[in-house]
Amino acid sequence: MEKDSDIADIVLNIDCGWHVNGESEPKSIFEEMVGSDTDLVTMGENGGKLYLSMYNKDLVVDKFDSMFVLALRNVLKRES
């Protein structure tokens, strides 16, 4: 993924994964994963918290509802 992508920003800022961009980088990431300084449990918990805070059913339904209402208002404006 691109280093300046939104998903890369999320993964790196939340500390729930790694950014891989290129063929040589996976090796260094695997080495880091088995290193004693890497807390995979905490990274997994960080990812879980992010998922629940951004993508739980209620939040997604509310976002969809808001988008639908906005789209409907725009259609009604054009018709009037």
Protein backbone atom coordinates (compact mmCIF):
# COMPACT_ATOMS: atom_id res chain seq x y z
CA MET A 1 0.00 0.00 0.00
CA GLU A 2 1.10 3.55 -0.52
CA LYS A 3 2.81 5.13 2.49
CA ASP A 4 0.59 8.23 2.26
CA SER A 5 -2.69 6.31 2.04
CA ASP A 6 -5.45 6.67 4.60
CA ILE A 7 -5.25 3.01 5.57
CA ALA A 8 -1.48 3.24 6.11
CA ASP A 9 -2.02 6.26 8.36
CA ILE A 10 -4.59 4.37 10.41
CA VAL A 11 -2.51 1.20 10.74
CA LEU A 12 0.62 3.08 11.76
CA ASN A 13 -1.02 5.68 14.03
CA ILE A 14 -3.19 3.17 15.88
CA ASP A 15 -0.27 0.72 16.09
CA CYS A 16 -2.26 -2.25 14.88
CA GLY A 17 -0.10 -3.46 12.01
CA TRP A 18 2.68 -2.67 9.60
CA HIS A 19 3.05 -0.82 6.33
CA VAL A 20 4.52 -2.88 3.49
CA ASN A 21 5.55 -1.18 0.28
CA GLY A 22 8.03 -3.15 -1.74
CA GLU A 23 9.35 -6.67 -2.08
CA SER A 24 12.15 -6.45 0.50
CA GLU A 25 10.06 -5.06 3.36
CA PRO A 26 8.08 -8.21 4.32
CA LYS A 27 11.28 -9.92 5.50
CA SER A 28 12.09 -7.13 7.94
CA ILE A 29 8.49 -7.09 9.17
CA PHE A 30 8.54 -10.84 9.84
CA GLU A 31 11.80 -10.38 11.73
CA GLU A 32 10.18 -7.61 13.78
CA MET A 33 7.12 -9.77 14.47
CA VAL A 34 9.20 -12.48 16.12
CA GLY A 35 11.36 -9.96 17.97
CA SER A 36 10.94 -9.60 21.69
CA ASP A 37 10.03 -5.89 21.47
CA THR A 38 6.88 -6.45 19.42
CA ASP A 39 3.69 -6.79 21.45
CA LEU A 40 1.36 -8.57 19.04
CA VAL A 41 -1.38 -8.90 21.66
CA THR A 42 -1.50 -5.13 22.17
CA MET A 43 -1.45 -4.54 18.42
CA GLY A 44 -4.38 -6.94 18.04
CA GLU A 45 -6.27 -5.21 20.83
CA ASN A 46 -5.59 -1.84 19.18
CA GLY A 47 -7.00 -3.14 15.90
CA GLY A 48 -10.06 -4.55 17.66
CA LYS A 49 -10.75 -1.26 19.45
CA LEU A 50 -10.39 0.65 16.19
CA TYR A 51 -12.79 -1.71 14.42
CA LEU A 52 -15.39 -1.46 17.16
CA SER A 53 -15.10 2.32 17.38
CA MET A 54 -15.44 2.92 13.63
CA TYR A 55 -17.31 -0.01 12.15
CA ASN A 56 -19.83 -1.34 14.63
CA LYS A 57 -23.33 -1.89 13.27
CA ASP A 58 -24.92 1.15 14.92
CA LEU A 59 -22.25 3.54 13.64
CA VAL A 60 -22.40 2.18 10.10
CA VAL A 61 -26.22 2.31 10.03
CA ASP A 62 -26.15 5.90 11.35
CA LYS A 63 -23.60 6.93 8.70
CA PHE A 64 -25.61 5.27 5.95
CA ASP A 65 -28.80 6.91 7.21
CA SER A 66 -27.15 10.34 7.23
CA MET A 67 -25.80 9.84 3.70
CA PHE A 68 -29.20 8.67 2.48
CA VAL A 69 -30.99 11.68 3.99
CA LEU A 70 -28.44 14.06 2.46
CA ALA A 71 -28.80 12.44 -0.97
CA LEU A 72 -32.58 12.56 -0.73
CA ARG A 73 -32.50 16.25 0.22
CA ASN A 74 -30.28 16.99 -2.78
CA VAL A 75 -32.70 15.20 -5.11
CA LEU A 76 -35.67 17.05 -3.63
CA LYS A 77 -33.87 20.41 -4.03
CA ARG A 78 -33.24 19.74 -7.70
CA GLU A 79 -36.89 18.84 -8.27
CA SER A 80 -38.25 21.99 -6.65
